[in-house]
All heavy atoms as atom14 arrays in JSON, in Angstrom:
{
  "sequence": "TAAQWVAKAVADKNDPREYLRYVYSDGEFLVATNGYHIHWIKSND",
  "atom14_mask": [
    [1, 1, 1, 1, 1, 1, 1, 0, 0, 0, 0, 0, 0, 0],
    [1, 1, 1, 1, 1, 0, 0, 0, 0, 0, 0, 0, 0, 0],
    [1, 1, 1, 1, 1, 0, 0, 0, 0, 0, 0, 0, 0, 0],
    [1, 1, 1, 1, 1, 1, 1, 1, 1, 0, 0, 0, 0, 0],
    [1, 1, 1, 1, 1, 1, 1, 1, 1, 1, 1, 1, 1, 1],
    [1, 1, 1, 1, 1, 1, 1, 0, 0, 0, 0, 0, 0, 0],
    [1, 1, 1, 1, 1, 0, 0, 0, 0, 0, 0, 0, 0, 0],
    [1, 1, 1, 1, 1, 1, 1, 1, 1, 0, 0, 0, 0, 0],
    [1, 1, 1, 1, 1, 0, 0, 0, 0, 0, 0, 0, 0, 0],
    [1, 1, 1, 1, 1, 1, 1, 0, 0, 0, 0, 0, 0, 0],
    [1, 1, 1, 1, 1, 0, 0, 0, 0, 0, 0, 0, 0, 0],
    [1, 1, 1, 1, 1, 1, 1, 1, 0, 0, 0, 0, 0, 0],
    [1, 1, 1, 1, 1, 1, 1, 1, 1, 0, 0, 0, 0, 0],
    [1, 1, 1, 1, 1, 1, 1, 1, 0, 0, 0, 0, 0, 0],
    [1, 1, 1, 1, 1, 1, 1, 1, 0, 0, 0, 0, 0, 0],
    [1, 1, 1, 1, 1, 1, 1, 0, 0, 0, 0, 0, 0, 0],
    [1, 1, 1, 1, 1, 1, 1, 1, 1, 1, 1, 0, 0, 0],
    [1, 1, 1, 1, 1, 1, 1, 1, 1, 0, 0, 0, 0, 0],
    [1, 1, 1, 1, 1, 1, 1, 1, 1, 1, 1, 1, 0, 0],
    [1, 1, 1, 1, 1, 1, 1, 1, 0, 0, 0, 0, 0, 0],
    [1, 1, 1, 1, 1, 1, 1, 1, 1, 1, 1, 0, 0, 0],
    [1, 1, 1, 1, 1, 1, 1, 1, 1, 1, 1, 1, 0, 0],
    [1, 1, 1, 1, 1, 1, 1, 0, 0, 0, 0, 0, 0, 0],
    [1, 1, 1, 1, 1, 1, 1, 1, 1, 1, 1, 1, 0, 0],
    [1, 1, 1, 1, 1, 1, 0, 0, 0, 0, 0, 0, 0, 0],
    [1, 1, 1, 1, 1, 1, 1, 1, 0, 0, 0, 0, 0, 0],
    [1, 1, 1, 1, 0, 0, 0, 0, 0, 0, 0, 0, 0, 0],
    [1, 1, 1, 1, 1, 1, 1, 1, 1, 0, 0, 0, 0, 0],
    [1, 1, 1, 1, 1, 1, 1, 1, 1, 1, 1, 0, 0, 0],
    [1, 1, 1, 1, 1, 1, 1, 1, 0, 0, 0, 0, 0, 0],
    [1, 1, 1, 1, 1, 1, 1, 0, 0, 0, 0, 0, 0, 0],
    [1, 1, 1, 1, 1, 0, 0, 0, 0, 0, 0, 0, 0, 0],
    [1, 1, 1, 1, 1, 1, 1, 0, 0, 0, 0, 0, 0, 0],
    [1, 1, 1, 1, 1, 1, 1, 1, 0, 0, 0, 0, 0, 0],
    [1, 1, 1, 1, 0, 0, 0, 0, 0, 0, 0, 0, 0, 0],
    [1, 1, 1, 1, 1, 1, 1, 1, 1, 1, 1, 1, 0, 0],
    [1, 1, 1, 1, 1, 1, 1, 1, 1, 1, 0, 0, 0, 0],
    [1, 1, 1, 1, 1, 1, 1, 1, 0, 0, 0, 0, 0, 0],
    [1, 1, 1, 1, 1, 1, 1, 1, 1, 1, 0, 0, 0, 0],
    [1, 1, 1, 1, 1, 1, 1, 1, 1, 1, 1, 1, 1, 1],
    [1, 1, 1, 1, 1, 1, 1, 1, 0, 0, 0, 0, 0, 0],
    [1, 1, 1, 1, 1, 1, 1, 1, 1, 0, 0, 0, 0, 0],
    [1, 1, 1, 1, 1, 1, 0, 0, 0, 0, 0, 0, 0, 0],
    [1, 1, 1, 1, 1, 1, 1, 1, 0, 0, 0, 0, 0, 0],
    [1, 1, 1, 1, 1, 1, 1, 1, 0, 0, 0, 0, 0, 0]
  ],
  "atom14_positions": [
    [[3.92, 4.12, -6.89], [4.64, 4.72, -5.77], [4.43, 3.88, -4.52], [3.49, 3.07, -4.44], [4.13, 6.15, -5.48], [2.78, 6.09, -4.99], [4.18, 7.02, -6.74], [0.0, 0.0, 0.0], [0.0, 0.0, 0.0], [0.0, 0.0, 0.0], [0.0, 0.0, 0.0], [0.0, 0.0, 0.0], [0.0, 0.0, 0.0], [0.0, 0.0, 0.0]],
    [[5.29, 4.08, -3.54], [5.18, 3.31, -2.3], [3.87, 3.61, -1.58], [3.23, 2.7, -1.03], [6.37, 3.64, -1.39], [0.0, 0.0, 0.0], [0.0, 0.0, 0.0], [0.0, 0.0, 0.0], [0.0, 0.0, 0.0], [0.0, 0.0, 0.0], [0.0, 0.0, 0.0], [0.0, 0.0, 0.0], [0.0, 0.0, 0.0], [0.0, 0.0, 0.0]],
    [[3.44, 4.87, -1.59], [2.19, 5.23, -0.92], [0.99, 4.57, -1.6], [0.05, 4.13, -0.93], [2.03, 6.74, -0.89], [0.0, 0.0, 0.0], [0.0, 0.0, 0.0], [0.0, 0.0, 0.0], [0.0, 0.0, 0.0], [0.0, 0.0, 0.0], [0.0, 0.0, 0.0], [0.0, 0.0, 0.0], [0.0, 0.0, 0.0], [0.0, 0.0, 0.0]],
    [[1.0, 4.52, -2.93], [-0.07, 3.83, -3.66], [-0.11, 2.36, -3.28], [-1.18, 1.77, -3.14], [0.13, 3.98, -5.16], [-0.2, 5.34, -5.73], [0.04, 5.4, -7.23], [0.7, 4.53, -7.82], [-0.49, 6.43, -7.87], [0.0, 0.0, 0.0], [0.0, 0.0, 0.0], [0.0, 0.0, 0.0], [0.0, 0.0, 0.0], [0.0, 0.0, 0.0]],
    [[1.06, 1.77, -3.12], [1.12, 0.34, -2.75], [0.54, 0.12, -1.36], [-0.22, -0.82, -1.14], [2.55, -0.16, -2.81], [2.7, -1.56, -2.33], [2.35, -2.72, -2.99], [3.21, -1.98, -1.05], [2.61, -3.82, -2.2], [3.13, -3.39, -1.01], [3.71, -1.28, 0.05], [3.55, -4.12, 0.09], [4.13, -2.0, 1.15], [4.05, -3.42, 1.17]],
    [[0.88, 0.99, -0.42], [0.32, 0.88, 0.93], [-1.2, 0.93, 0.86], [-1.9, 0.14, 1.51], [0.85, 2.02, 1.84], [0.06, 2.06, 3.15], [2.33, 1.84, 2.12], [0.0, 0.0, 0.0], [0.0, 0.0, 0.0], [0.0, 0.0, 0.0], [0.0, 0.0, 0.0], [0.0, 0.0, 0.0], [0.0, 0.0, 0.0], [0.0, 0.0, 0.0]],
    [[-1.73, 1.84, 0.05], [-3.18, 2.04, -0.05], [-3.92, 0.81, -0.57], [-5.15, 0.7, -0.38], [-3.48, 3.24, -0.93], [0.0, 0.0, 0.0], [0.0, 0.0, 0.0], [0.0, 0.0, 0.0], [0.0, 0.0, 0.0], [0.0, 0.0, 0.0], [0.0, 0.0, 0.0], [0.0, 0.0, 0.0], [0.0, 0.0, 0.0], [0.0, 0.0, 0.0]],
    [[-3.22, -0.13, -1.18], [-3.88, -1.32, -1.72], [-4.4, -2.24, -0.61], [-5.15, -3.17, -0.88], [-2.89, -2.09, -2.62], [-2.56, -1.37, -3.92], [-1.4, -2.03, -4.65], [-1.78, -3.31, -5.34], [-2.63, -3.1, -6.51], [0.0, 0.0, 0.0], [0.0, 0.0, 0.0], [0.0, 0.0, 0.0], [0.0, 0.0, 0.0], [0.0, 0.0, 0.0]],
    [[-4.01, -1.96, 0.64], [-4.45, -2.83, 1.74], [-5.61, -2.25, 2.54], [-6.02, -2.84, 3.54], [-3.27, -3.1, 2.69], [0.0, 0.0, 0.0], [0.0, 0.0, 0.0], [0.0, 0.0, 0.0], [0.0, 0.0, 0.0], [0.0, 0.0, 0.0], [0.0, 0.0, 0.0], [0.0, 0.0, 0.0], [0.0, 0.0, 0.0], [0.0, 0.0, 0.0]],
    [[-6.16, -1.1, 2.13], [-7.28, -0.54, 2.89], [-8.52, -1.42, 2.75], [-8.65, -2.2, 1.81], [-7.63, 0.91, 2.43], [-6.46, 1.84, 2.66], [-8.05, 0.92, 0.97], [0.0, 0.0, 0.0], [0.0, 0.0, 0.0], [0.0, 0.0, 0.0], [0.0, 0.0, 0.0], [0.0, 0.0, 0.0], [0.0, 0.0, 0.0], [0.0, 0.0, 0.0]],
    [[-9.44, -1.27, 3.71], [-10.71, -1.99, 3.65], [-11.58, -1.41, 2.54], [-11.39, -0.26, 2.12], [-11.43, -1.87, 4.99], [0.0, 0.0, 0.0], [0.0, 0.0, 0.0], [0.0, 0.0, 0.0], [0.0, 0.0, 0.0], [0.0, 0.0, 0.0], [0.0, 0.0, 0.0], [0.0, 0.0, 0.0], [0.0, 0.0, 0.0], [0.0, 0.0, 0.0]],
    [[-12.53, -2.19, 2.04], [-13.37, -1.7, 0.95], [-14.4, -0.69, 1.47], [-14.59, -0.53, 2.67], [-14.05, -2.85, 0.2], [-15.06, -3.62, 1.03], [-15.87, -2.97, 1.73], [-15.07, -4.86, 0.98], [0.0, 0.0, 0.0], [0.0, 0.0, 0.0], [0.0, 0.0, 0.0], [0.0, 0.0, 0.0], [0.0, 0.0, 0.0], [0.0, 0.0, 0.0]],
    [[-15.05, -0.02, 0.55], [-15.93, 1.1, 0.9], [-17.13, 0.7, 1.72], [-17.78, 1.55, 2.35], [-16.4, 1.81, -0.37], [-17.25, 0.94, -1.3], [-17.67, 1.7, -2.54], [-18.54, 0.84, -3.46], [-18.94, 1.59, -4.69], [0.0, 0.0, 0.0], [0.0, 0.0, 0.0], [0.0, 0.0, 0.0], [0.0, 0.0, 0.0], [0.0, 0.0, 0.0]],
    [[-17.47, -0.59, 1.75], [-18.63, -1.04, 2.52], [-18.27, -1.5, 3.93], [-19.16, -1.89, 4.7], [-19.33, -2.19, 1.77], [-19.89, -1.74, 0.43], [-20.48, -0.66, 0.32], [-19.71, -2.55, -0.6], [0.0, 0.0, 0.0], [0.0, 0.0, 0.0], [0.0, 0.0, 0.0], [0.0, 0.0, 0.0], [0.0, 0.0, 0.0], [0.0, 0.0, 0.0]],
    [[-16.99, -1.48, 4.26], [-16.57, -1.91, 5.6], [-17.07, -0.91, 6.64], [-16.85, 0.3, 6.5], [-15.04, -2.0, 5.66], [-14.56, -2.8, 6.85], [-14.9, -2.42, 8.0], [-13.87, -3.81, 6.65], [0.0, 0.0, 0.0], [0.0, 0.0, 0.0], [0.0, 0.0, 0.0], [0.0, 0.0, 0.0], [0.0, 0.0, 0.0], [0.0, 0.0, 0.0]],
    [[-17.77, -1.37, 7.66], [-18.31, -0.44, 8.67], [-17.24, 0.26, 9.5], [-17.5, 1.27, 10.14], [-19.19, -1.34, 9.55], [-18.6, -2.7, 9.39], [-18.12, -2.76, 7.96], [0.0, 0.0, 0.0], [0.0, 0.0, 0.0], [0.0, 0.0, 0.0], [0.0, 0.0, 0.0], [0.0, 0.0, 0.0], [0.0, 0.0, 0.0], [0.0, 0.0, 0.0]],
    [[-16.02, -0.26, 9.49], [-14.92, 0.35, 10.24], [-14.3, 1.45, 9.38], [-13.34, 1.21, 8.66], [-13.89, -0.7, 10.63], [-14.45, -1.83, 11.5], [-13.52, -3.02, 11.55], [-13.38, -3.63, 10.22], [-12.59, -4.67, 9.97], [-11.88, -5.23, 10.94], [-12.51, -5.17, 8.74], [0.0, 0.0, 0.0], [0.0, 0.0, 0.0], [0.0, 0.0, 0.0]],
    [[-14.85, 2.64, 9.49], [-14.47, 3.74, 8.62], [-12.96, 3.97, 8.6], [-12.36, 4.2, 7.55], [-15.18, 5.02, 9.06], [-14.83, 6.23, 8.21], [-15.44, 7.5, 8.77], [-15.1, 7.89, 9.9], [-16.27, 8.1, 8.08], [0.0, 0.0, 0.0], [0.0, 0.0, 0.0], [0.0, 0.0, 0.0], [0.0, 0.0, 0.0], [0.0, 0.0, 0.0]],
    [[-12.33, 3.91, 9.77], [-10.9, 4.21, 9.87], [-10.04, 3.24, 9.06], [-8.91, 3.58, 8.68], [-10.46, 4.22, 11.34], [-10.88, 2.98, 12.12], [-10.08, 1.86, 12.16], [-12.09, 2.96, 12.79], [-10.46, 0.72, 12.85], [-12.49, 1.83, 13.5], [-11.67, 0.72, 13.53], [-12.06, -0.41, 14.22], [0.0, 0.0, 0.0], [0.0, 0.0, 0.0]],
    [[-10.53, 2.03, 8.79], [-9.77, 1.08, 7.99], [-9.92, 1.34, 6.49], [-9.22, 0.73, 5.69], [-10.2, -0.36, 8.3], [-9.9, -0.86, 9.72], [-10.22, -2.35, 9.82], [-8.44, -0.61, 10.1], [0.0, 0.0, 0.0], [0.0, 0.0, 0.0], [0.0, 0.0, 0.0], [0.0, 0.0, 0.0], [0.0, 0.0, 0.0], [0.0, 0.0, 0.0]],
    [[-10.82, 2.25, 6.13], [-10.99, 2.59, 4.71], [-9.99, 3.65, 4.27], [-9.99, 4.06, 3.11], [-12.42, 3.07, 4.45], [-13.48, 2.06, 4.82], [-14.81, 2.33, 4.13], [-15.4, 3.6, 4.48], [-16.35, 3.78, 5.39], [-16.8, 2.73, 6.07], [-16.86, 4.96, 5.63], [0.0, 0.0, 0.0], [0.0, 0.0, 0.0], [0.0, 0.0, 0.0]],
    [[-9.13, 4.08, 5.21], [-8.13, 5.11, 4.91], [-6.72, 4.59, 5.17], [-6.5, 3.62, 5.9], [-8.36, 6.34, 5.79], [-9.75, 6.9, 5.71], [-10.51, 7.09, 6.87], [-10.31, 7.25, 4.49], [-11.79, 7.61, 6.8], [-11.6, 7.76, 4.42], [-12.33, 7.93, 5.58], [-13.61, 8.44, 5.51], [0.0, 0.0, 0.0], [0.0, 0.0, 0.0]],
    [[-5.76, 5.27, 4.56], [-4.35, 5.06, 4.88], [-4.06, 5.86, 6.15], [-4.63, 6.93, 6.36], [-3.46, 5.54, 3.71], [-1.98, 5.41, 4.07], [-3.78, 4.76, 2.44], [0.0, 0.0, 0.0], [0.0, 0.0, 0.0], [0.0, 0.0, 0.0], [0.0, 0.0, 0.0], [0.0, 0.0, 0.0], [0.0, 0.0, 0.0], [0.0, 0.0, 0.0]],
    [[-3.2, 5.34, 7.0], [-2.9, 6.01, 8.27], [-1.4, 6.25, 8.42], [-0.58, 5.43, 8.0], [-3.38, 5.15, 9.44], [-3.08, 5.73, 10.79], [-3.79, 6.82, 11.28], [-2.04, 5.2, 11.58], [-3.5, 7.37, 12.53], [-1.75, 5.74, 12.82], [-2.48, 6.82, 13.29], [-2.19, 7.36, 14.52], [0.0, 0.0, 0.0], [0.0, 0.0, 0.0]],
    [[-1.06, 7.39, 8.99], [0.33, 7.7, 9.31], [0.45, 8.0, 10.79], [-0.38, 8.73, 11.35], [0.81, 8.92, 8.5], [2.09, 9.35, 8.97], [0.0, 0.0, 0.0], [0.0, 0.0, 0.0], [0.0, 0.0, 0.0], [0.0, 0.0, 0.0], [0.0, 0.0, 0.0], [0.0, 0.0, 0.0], [0.0, 0.0, 0.0], [0.0, 0.0, 0.0]],
    [[1.48, 7.44, 11.41], [1.76, 7.79, 12.81], [2.93, 8.77, 12.88], [3.45, 9.05, 13.97], [2.04, 6.54, 13.64], [3.27, 5.76, 13.16], [3.97, 6.25, 12.26], [3.53, 4.67, 13.7], [0.0, 0.0, 0.0], [0.0, 0.0, 0.0], [0.0, 0.0, 0.0], [0.0, 0.0, 0.0], [0.0, 0.0, 0.0], [0.0, 0.0, 0.0]],
    [[3.34, 9.29, 11.73], [4.46, 10.21, 11.66], [5.77, 9.53, 11.32], [6.71, 10.18, 10.85], [0.0, 0.0, 0.0], [0.0, 0.0, 0.0], [0.0, 0.0, 0.0], [0.0, 0.0, 0.0], [0.0, 0.0, 0.0], [0.0, 0.0, 0.0], [0.0, 0.0, 0.0], [0.0, 0.0, 0.0], [0.0, 0.0, 0.0], [0.0, 0.0, 0.0]],
    [[5.82, 8.22, 11.52], [7.01, 7.42, 11.21], [6.74, 6.39, 10.14], [7.57, 6.15, 9.26], [7.54, 6.73, 12.46], [8.79, 5.91, 12.24], [9.27, 5.17, 13.48], [8.52, 5.18, 14.5], [10.36, 4.58, 13.45], [0.0, 0.0, 0.0], [0.0, 0.0, 0.0], [0.0, 0.0, 0.0], [0.0, 0.0, 0.0], [0.0, 0.0, 0.0]],
    [[5.55, 5.78, 10.21], [5.16, 4.76, 9.24], [3.86, 5.16, 8.56], [2.97, 5.76, 9.18], [4.97, 3.41, 9.93], [6.23, 2.78, 10.44], [6.61, 2.95, 11.77], [7.05, 2.03, 9.61], [7.77, 2.39, 12.26], [8.21, 1.45, 10.09], [8.58, 1.63, 11.42], [0.0, 0.0, 0.0], [0.0, 0.0, 0.0], [0.0, 0.0, 0.0]],
    [[3.75, 4.78, 7.29], [2.49, 4.9, 6.55], [1.97, 3.48, 6.4], [2.69, 2.6, 5.92], [2.75, 5.54, 5.18], [1.5, 6.03, 4.4], [0.85, 7.2, 5.13], [1.9, 6.45, 2.99], [0.0, 0.0, 0.0], [0.0, 0.0, 0.0], [0.0, 0.0, 0.0], [0.0, 0.0, 0.0], [0.0, 0.0, 0.0], [0.0, 0.0, 0.0]],
    [[0.72, 3.25, 6.81], [0.21, 1.89, 6.91], [-1.24, 1.82, 6.45], [-1.99, 2.8, 6.52], [0.34, 1.37, 8.37], [-0.45, 2.26, 9.31], [-0.11, -0.07, 8.51], [0.0, 0.0, 0.0], [0.0, 0.0, 0.0], [0.0, 0.0, 0.0], [0.0, 0.0, 0.0], [0.0, 0.0, 0.0], [0.0, 0.0, 0.0], [0.0, 0.0, 0.0]],
    [[-1.65, 0.64, 6.0], [-3.06, 0.38, 5.67], [-3.34, -1.09, 5.97], [-2.47, -1.96, 5.79], [-3.35, 0.69, 4.21], [0.0, 0.0, 0.0], [0.0, 0.0, 0.0], [0.0, 0.0, 0.0], [0.0, 0.0, 0.0], [0.0, 0.0, 0.0], [0.0, 0.0, 0.0], [0.0, 0.0, 0.0], [0.0, 0.0, 0.0], [0.0, 0.0, 0.0]],
    [[-4.55, -1.35, 6.42], [-4.97, -2.73, 6.7], [-6.47, -2.83, 6.64], [-7.19, -1.86, 6.91], [-4.48, -3.21, 8.08], [-4.88, -4.57, 8.29], [-5.05, -2.35, 9.19], [0.0, 0.0, 0.0], [0.0, 0.0, 0.0], [0.0, 0.0, 0.0], [0.0, 0.0, 0.0], [0.0, 0.0, 0.0], [0.0, 0.0, 0.0], [0.0, 0.0, 0.0]],
    [[-6.95, -4.03, 6.29], [-8.39, -4.29, 6.38], [-8.67, -5.32, 7.48], [-9.78, -5.8, 7.62], [-8.93, -4.8, 5.04], [-8.43, -6.19, 4.69], [-7.51, -6.71, 5.33], [-9.0, -6.8, 3.67], [0.0, 0.0, 0.0], [0.0, 0.0, 0.0], [0.0, 0.0, 0.0], [0.0, 0.0, 0.0], [0.0, 0.0, 0.0], [0.0, 0.0, 0.0]],
    [[-7.63, -5.64, 8.24], [-7.77, -6.62, 9.31], [-7.27, -7.99, 8.93], [-7.09, -8.86, 9.8], [0.0, 0.0, 0.0], [0.0, 0.0, 0.0], [0.0, 0.0, 0.0], [0.0, 0.0, 0.0], [0.0, 0.0, 0.0], [0.0, 0.0, 0.0], [0.0, 0.0, 0.0], [0.0, 0.0, 0.0], [0.0, 0.0, 0.0], [0.0, 0.0, 0.0]],
    [[-7.03, -8.21, 7.63], [-6.57, -9.51, 7.15], [-5.2, -9.43, 6.46], [-4.52, -10.44, 6.34], [-7.58, -10.12, 6.18], [-8.92, -10.39, 6.81], [-9.97, -9.48, 6.67], [-9.14, -11.54, 7.57], [-11.2, -9.71, 7.26], [-10.38, -11.78, 8.15], [-11.4, -10.86, 8.0], [-12.62, -11.09, 8.58], [0.0, 0.0, 0.0], [0.0, 0.0, 0.0]],
    [[-4.84, -8.26, 6.0], [-3.48, -8.04, 5.49], [-3.08, -6.61, 5.8], [-3.92, -5.73, 5.99], [-3.36, -8.37, 4.0], [-4.15, -7.5, 3.08], [-3.71, -7.16, 1.82], [-5.35, -6.89, 3.21], [-4.61, -6.4, 1.21], [-5.61, -6.22, 2.04], [0.0, 0.0, 0.0], [0.0, 0.0, 0.0], [0.0, 0.0, 0.0], [0.0, 0.0, 0.0]],
    [[-1.77, -6.39, 5.89], [-1.22, -5.1, 6.27], [-0.08, -4.74, 5.33], [0.76, -5.59, 5.02], [-0.67, -5.11, 7.72], [-1.68, -5.71, 8.7], [-0.28, -3.71, 8.16], [-1.1, -5.98, 10.09], [0.0, 0.0, 0.0], [0.0, 0.0, 0.0], [0.0, 0.0, 0.0], [0.0, 0.0, 0.0], [0.0, 0.0, 0.0], [0.0, 0.0, 0.0]],
    [[-0.06, -3.5, 4.84], [1.07, -2.96, 4.09], [1.63, -1.78, 4.87], [0.86, -0.96, 5.4], [0.64, -2.45, 2.71], [0.22, -3.51, 1.76], [-0.07, -3.26, 0.44], [0.05, -4.85, 1.92], [-0.41, -4.37, -0.17], [-0.36, -5.35, 0.71], [0.0, 0.0, 0.0], [0.0, 0.0, 0.0], [0.0, 0.0, 0.0], [0.0, 0.0, 0.0]],
    [[2.95, -1.65, 4.94], [3.52, -0.47, 5.59], [4.89, -0.11, 5.01], [5.6, -0.97, 4.49], [3.61, -0.65, 7.1], [4.67, -1.59, 7.61], [5.96, -1.28, 7.96], [4.52, -3.0, 7.85], [6.62, -2.4, 8.41], [5.77, -3.46, 8.35], [3.48, -3.9, 7.7], [5.98, -4.8, 8.69], [3.69, -5.22, 8.03], [4.92, -5.66, 8.53]],
    [[5.18, 1.17, 5.09], [6.48, 1.68, 4.7], [6.93, 2.67, 5.76], [6.11, 3.24, 6.47], [6.46, 2.4, 3.32], [5.49, 3.6, 3.36], [6.11, 1.43, 2.21], [5.55, 4.48, 2.13], [0.0, 0.0, 0.0], [0.0, 0.0, 0.0], [0.0, 0.0, 0.0], [0.0, 0.0, 0.0], [0.0, 0.0, 0.0], [0.0, 0.0, 0.0]],
    [[8.23, 2.88, 5.85], [8.74, 3.9, 6.75], [8.77, 5.21, 5.99], [9.37, 5.3, 4.92], [10.13, 3.53, 7.25], [10.57, 4.34, 8.46], [11.73, 3.68, 9.18], [12.03, 4.41, 10.48], [13.1, 3.75, 11.25], [0.0, 0.0, 0.0], [0.0, 0.0, 0.0], [0.0, 0.0, 0.0], [0.0, 0.0, 0.0], [0.0, 0.0, 0.0]],
    [[8.08, 6.22, 6.5], [7.99, 7.5, 5.8], [7.62, 8.61, 6.76], [6.72, 8.45, 7.58], [6.94, 7.43, 4.69], [6.73, 8.69, 4.1], [0.0, 0.0, 0.0], [0.0, 0.0, 0.0], [0.0, 0.0, 0.0], [0.0, 0.0, 0.0], [0.0, 0.0, 0.0], [0.0, 0.0, 0.0], [0.0, 0.0, 0.0], [0.0, 0.0, 0.0]],
    [[8.32, 9.74, 6.64], [7.95, 10.92, 7.43], [7.4, 12.01, 6.52], [7.38, 13.18, 6.89], [9.15, 11.44, 8.23], [10.36, 11.75, 7.34], [10.25, 11.78, 6.12], [11.51, 11.97, 7.96], [0.0, 0.0, 0.0], [0.0, 0.0, 0.0], [0.0, 0.0, 0.0], [0.0, 0.0, 0.0], [0.0, 0.0, 0.0], [0.0, 0.0, 0.0]],
    [[6.96, 11.61, 5.33], [6.39, 12.57, 4.38], [4.94, 12.91, 4.7], [4.4, 13.87, 4.14], [6.47, 12.01, 2.95], [7.9, 11.87, 2.45], [8.77, 12.61, 2.96], [8.15, 11.03, 1.58], [0.0, 0.0, 0.0], [0.0, 0.0, 0.0], [0.0, 0.0, 0.0], [0.0, 0.0, 0.0], [0.0, 0.0, 0.0], [0.0, 0.0, 0.0]]
  ]
}
């Protein structure tokens, strides 16, 4: 699924930046990044 694909860009579990270990939605886009790569889709789900 598109959401699963976005989640492939989250930071690993040992990253001290907790917020990067999750997928984030701003209400318009679903996004994930570890600071070196970013995945995003347009979604209001």
